[in-house]
Amino acid sequence: MELQQVTLNGEVFSKYECKIAVAIKLYIRNSNNQTPSDESLGYVINSMRGIVGGEPMCCYDIVNLLQRHPREDHRSIYLSVYCDKKFWEPAAREAWMIWLRQNDELVQRLKDRGELAPFLNADGTLKT
């Protein structure tokens, strides 16, 4: 029987969620041209599950865990994404962009309700 779920870091992921996490780490760069953080991956997985906000899924070191896992079916998750960039890069980009749009919508709702006012400059930019 083919593996459908994987438990890593005490969290249960679907095989597809693992593949998206690996693809994001391999093929996506954030606005600073850096690989997205493990925490960001956790929020993307939550987003895929319809969860906005809250604690992120624990995706700490998920790529290395899959690459070096003693079970072949876990290692094959990484290899299938690595070997099929043509499919997984667009899938990762889509998941990443959906999550970014959800964040933009959340920020706009908070702005509209005035809940971000204490954190914003007069021009609407974030206070640093």
C-alpha atoms as a PDB file:
ATOM      1  CA  MET A   1       0.000   0.000   0.000  1.00  0.00           C
ATOM      2  CA  GLU A   2       1.322   3.410  -0.976  1.00  0.00           C
ATOM      3  CA  LEU A   3       2.180   5.917   1.735  1.00  0.00           C
ATOM      4  CA  GLN A   4      -0.490   8.651   2.037  1.00  0.00           C
ATOM      5  CA  GLN A   5       0.512  10.372   5.282  1.00  0.00           C
ATOM      6  CA  VAL A   6       3.825  11.142   6.924  1.00  0.00           C
ATOM      7  CA  THR A   7       4.530  12.017  10.547  1.00  0.00           C
ATOM      8  CA  LEU A   8       7.441  14.427  10.993  1.00  0.00           C
ATOM      9  CA  ASN A   9       8.213  16.590  14.027  1.00  0.00           C
ATOM     10  CA  GLY A  10       5.138  15.100  15.699  1.00  0.00           C
ATOM     11  CA  GLU A  11       2.865  16.500  12.950  1.00  0.00           C
ATOM     12  CA  VAL A  12       0.899  14.486  10.408  1.00  0.00           C
ATOM     13  CA  PHE A  13       1.270  15.681   6.818  1.00  0.00           C
ATOM     14  CA  SER A  14      -0.285  14.353   3.659  1.00  0.00           C
ATOM     15  CA  LYS A  15       2.150  13.175   1.033  1.00  0.00           C
ATOM     16  CA  TYR A  16       1.065  16.118  -1.137  1.00  0.00           C
ATOM     17  CA  GLU A  17       1.722  18.636   1.658  1.00  0.00           C
ATOM     18  CA  CYS A  18       5.219  17.215   2.069  1.00  0.00           C
ATOM     19  CA  LYS A  19       5.841  17.539  -1.650  1.00  0.00           C
ATOM     20  CA  ILE A  20       4.654  21.155  -1.658  1.00  0.00           C
ATOM     21  CA  ALA A  21       6.906  21.930   1.337  1.00  0.00           C
ATOM     22  CA  VAL A  22       9.904  20.398  -0.431  1.00  0.00           C
ATOM     23  CA  ALA A  23       9.064  22.196  -3.681  1.00  0.00           C
ATOM     24  CA  ILE A  24       8.803  25.554  -1.912  1.00  0.00           C
ATOM     25  CA  LYS A  25      12.197  24.992  -0.298  1.00  0.00           C
ATOM     26  CA  LEU A  26      13.754  23.948  -3.612  1.00  0.00           C
ATOM     27  CA  TYR A  27      12.160  26.360  -6.067  1.00  0.00           C
ATOM     28  CA  ILE A  28      10.769  29.459  -4.310  1.00  0.00           C
ATOM     29  CA  ARG A  29      12.630  32.548  -3.126  1.00  0.00           C
ATOM     30  CA  ASN A  30      10.995  35.238  -1.009  1.00  0.00           C
ATOM     31  CA  SER A  31      11.243  38.994  -1.556  1.00  0.00           C
ATOM     32  CA  ASN A  32      14.742  38.991  -0.012  1.00  0.00           C
ATOM     33  CA  ASN A  33      15.815  36.286  -2.477  1.00  0.00           C
ATOM     34  CA  GLN A  34      16.076  33.824   0.403  1.00  0.00           C
ATOM     35  CA  THR A  35      14.603  30.358   0.787  1.00  0.00           C
ATOM     36  CA  PRO A  36      11.353  30.643   2.764  1.00  0.00           C
ATOM     37  CA  SER A  37      11.693  29.769   6.441  1.00  0.00           C
ATOM     38  CA  ASP A  38      10.423  26.549   7.970  1.00  0.00           C
ATOM     39  CA  GLU A  39       7.904  28.665   9.884  1.00  0.00           C
ATOM     40  CA  SER A  40       6.594  30.132   6.616  1.00  0.00           C
ATOM     41  CA  LEU A  41       6.202  26.581   5.287  1.00  0.00           C
ATOM     42  CA  GLY A  42       4.057  25.801   8.320  1.00  0.00           C
ATOM     43  CA  TYR A  43       1.777  28.721   7.533  1.00  0.00           C
ATOM     44  CA  VAL A  44       1.532  27.667   3.868  1.00  0.00           C
ATOM     45  CA  ILE A  45       0.490  24.150   4.953  1.00  0.00           C
ATOM     46  CA  ASN A  46      -2.099  25.686   7.289  1.00  0.00           C
ATOM     47  CA  SER A  47      -3.351  27.787   4.386  1.00  0.00           C
ATOM     48  CA  MET A  48      -3.706  24.657   2.247  1.00  0.00           C
ATOM     49  CA  ARG A  49      -5.841  23.233   5.055  1.00  0.00           C
ATOM     50  CA  GLY A  50      -8.030  26.337   5.158  1.00  0.00           C
ATOM     51  CA  ILE A  51      -6.457  27.647   8.363  1.00  0.00           C
ATOM     52  CA  VAL A  52      -5.459  31.325   8.384  1.00  0.00           C
ATOM     53  CA  GLY A  53      -3.438  32.503  11.358  1.00  0.00           C
ATOM     54  CA  GLY A  54      -2.804  30.463  14.466  1.00  0.00           C
ATOM     55  CA  GLU A  55       0.287  28.405  15.098  1.00  0.00           C
ATOM     56  CA  PRO A  56       2.105  27.132  12.008  1.00  0.00           C
ATOM     57  CA  MET A  57       2.555  23.428  11.353  1.00  0.00           C
ATOM     58  CA  CYS A  58       5.962  22.353  12.614  1.00  0.00           C
ATOM     59  CA  CYS A  59       7.965  22.056   9.390  1.00  0.00           C
ATOM     60  CA  TYR A  60      11.359  22.355  11.076  1.00  0.00           C
ATOM     61  CA  ASP A  61      14.041  20.859   8.826  1.00  0.00           C
ATOM     62  CA  ILE A  62      11.383  18.981   6.828  1.00  0.00           C
ATOM     63  CA  VAL A  63      13.497  18.707   3.668  1.00  0.00           C
ATOM     64  CA  ASN A  64      16.472  17.190   5.481  1.00  0.00           C
ATOM     65  CA  LEU A  65      14.205  14.881   7.456  1.00  0.00           C
ATOM     66  CA  LEU A  66      12.723  13.548   4.232  1.00  0.00           C
ATOM     67  CA  GLN A  67      16.067  13.341   2.406  1.00  0.00           C
ATOM     68  CA  ARG A  68      17.720  11.371   5.186  1.00  0.00           C
ATOM     69  CA  HIS A  69      14.785   9.362   6.487  1.00  0.00           C
ATOM     70  CA  PRO A  70      15.510   5.647   7.017  1.00  0.00           C
ATOM     71  CA  ARG A  71      12.330   4.688   5.136  1.00  0.00           C
ATOM     72  CA  GLU A  72      12.579   4.664   1.370  1.00  0.00           C
ATOM     73  CA  ASP A  73       8.968   5.795   0.920  1.00  0.00           C
ATOM     74  CA  HIS A  74       9.800   8.990   2.865  1.00  0.00           C
ATOM     75  CA  ARG A  75      12.986   9.626   0.880  1.00  0.00           C
ATOM     76  CA  SER A  76      11.062   9.116  -2.366  1.00  0.00           C
ATOM     77  CA  ILE A  77       8.889  12.147  -1.507  1.00  0.00           C
ATOM     78  CA  TYR A  78      11.930  14.397  -1.767  1.00  0.00           C
ATOM     79  CA  LEU A  79      13.292  12.655  -4.859  1.00  0.00           C
ATOM     80  CA  SER A  80       9.987  12.841  -6.737  1.00  0.00           C
ATOM     81  CA  VAL A  81       9.904  16.636  -6.288  1.00  0.00           C
ATOM     82  CA  TYR A  82      13.593  17.082  -7.072  1.00  0.00           C
ATOM     83  CA  CYS A  83      13.326  15.021 -10.266  1.00  0.00           C
ATOM     84  CA  ASP A  84      10.129  16.679 -11.542  1.00  0.00           C
ATOM     85  CA  LYS A  85      10.827  20.420 -11.326  1.00  0.00           C
ATOM     86  CA  LYS A  86       8.597  21.078 -14.349  1.00  0.00           C
ATOM     87  CA  PHE A  87       5.540  19.963 -12.356  1.00  0.00           C
ATOM     88  CA  TRP A  88       6.450  20.938  -8.788  1.00  0.00           C
ATOM     89  CA  GLU A  89       7.862  24.431  -9.318  1.00  0.00           C
ATOM     90  CA  PRO A  90       4.511  25.828 -10.580  1.00  0.00           C
ATOM     91  CA  ALA A  91       2.621  23.919  -7.865  1.00  0.00           C
ATOM     92  CA  ALA A  92       4.888  25.424  -5.206  1.00  0.00           C
ATOM     93  CA  ARG A  93       4.555  28.899  -6.694  1.00  0.00           C
ATOM     94  CA  GLU A  94       0.760  28.604  -6.675  1.00  0.00           C
ATOM     95  CA  ALA A  95       0.640  27.491  -3.015  1.00  0.00           C
ATOM     96  CA  TRP A  96       3.087  30.259  -2.055  1.00  0.00           C
ATOM     97  CA  MET A  97       1.134  32.970  -3.905  1.00  0.00           C
ATOM     98  CA  ILE A  98      -2.207  31.867  -2.437  1.00  0.00           C
ATOM     99  CA  TRP A  99      -0.706  32.164   1.039  1.00  0.00           C
ATOM    100  CA  LEU A 100       0.747  35.616   0.273  1.00  0.00           C
ATOM    101  CA  ARG A 101      -2.630  36.838  -1.049  1.00  0.00           C
ATOM    102  CA  GLN A 102      -4.342  35.575   2.124  1.00  0.00           C
ATOM    103  CA  ASN A 103      -1.851  37.571   4.191  1.00  0.00           C
ATOM    104  CA  ASP A 104      -2.495  40.686   2.092  1.00  0.00           C
ATOM    105  CA  GLU A 105      -6.251  40.276   2.550  1.00  0.00           C
ATOM    106  CA  LEU A 106      -5.855  39.826   6.311  1.00  0.00           C
ATOM    107  CA  VAL A 107      -3.669  42.937   6.618  1.00  0.00           C
ATOM    108  CA  GLN A 108      -6.167  44.960   4.566  1.00  0.00           C
ATOM    109  CA  ARG A 109      -9.086  43.834   6.778  1.00  0.00           C
ATOM    110  CA  LEU A 110      -7.144  44.779   9.922  1.00  0.00           C
ATOM    111  CA  LYS A 111      -6.240  48.156   8.381  1.00  0.00           C
ATOM    112  CA  ASP A 112      -9.860  48.798   7.395  1.00  0.00           C
ATOM    113  CA  ARG A 113     -11.027  48.081  10.954  1.00  0.00           C
ATOM    114  CA  GLY A 114      -8.323  50.352  12.383  1.00  0.00           C
ATOM    115  CA  GLU A 115      -6.686  47.536  14.303  1.00  0.00           C
ATOM    116  CA  LEU A 116      -3.270  48.197  12.759  1.00  0.00           C
ATOM    117  CA  ALA A 117      -3.306  51.954  13.472  1.00  0.00           C
ATOM    118  CA  PRO A 118      -0.977  51.734  16.497  1.00  0.00           C
ATOM    119  CA  PHE A 119       1.600  49.977  14.330  1.00  0.00           C
ATOM    120  CA  LEU A 120       1.479  52.259  11.280  1.00  0.00           C
ATOM    121  CA  ASN A 121       3.130  55.546  10.386  1.00  0.00           C
ATOM    122  CA  ALA A 122       0.989  58.402   9.049  1.00  0.00           C
ATOM    123  CA  ASP A 123       1.746  57.288   5.464  1.00  0.00           C
ATOM    124  CA  GLY A 124       0.425  53.779   6.173  1.00  0.00           C
ATOM    125  CA  THR A 125       3.801  52.056   6.325  1.00  0.00           C
ATOM    126  CA  LEU A 126       4.713  49.776   9.198  1.00  0.00           C
ATOM    127  CA  LYS A 127       6.539  51.414  12.124  1.00  0.00           C
ATOM    128  CA  THR A 128      10.025  49.984  12.641  1.00  0.00           C
END
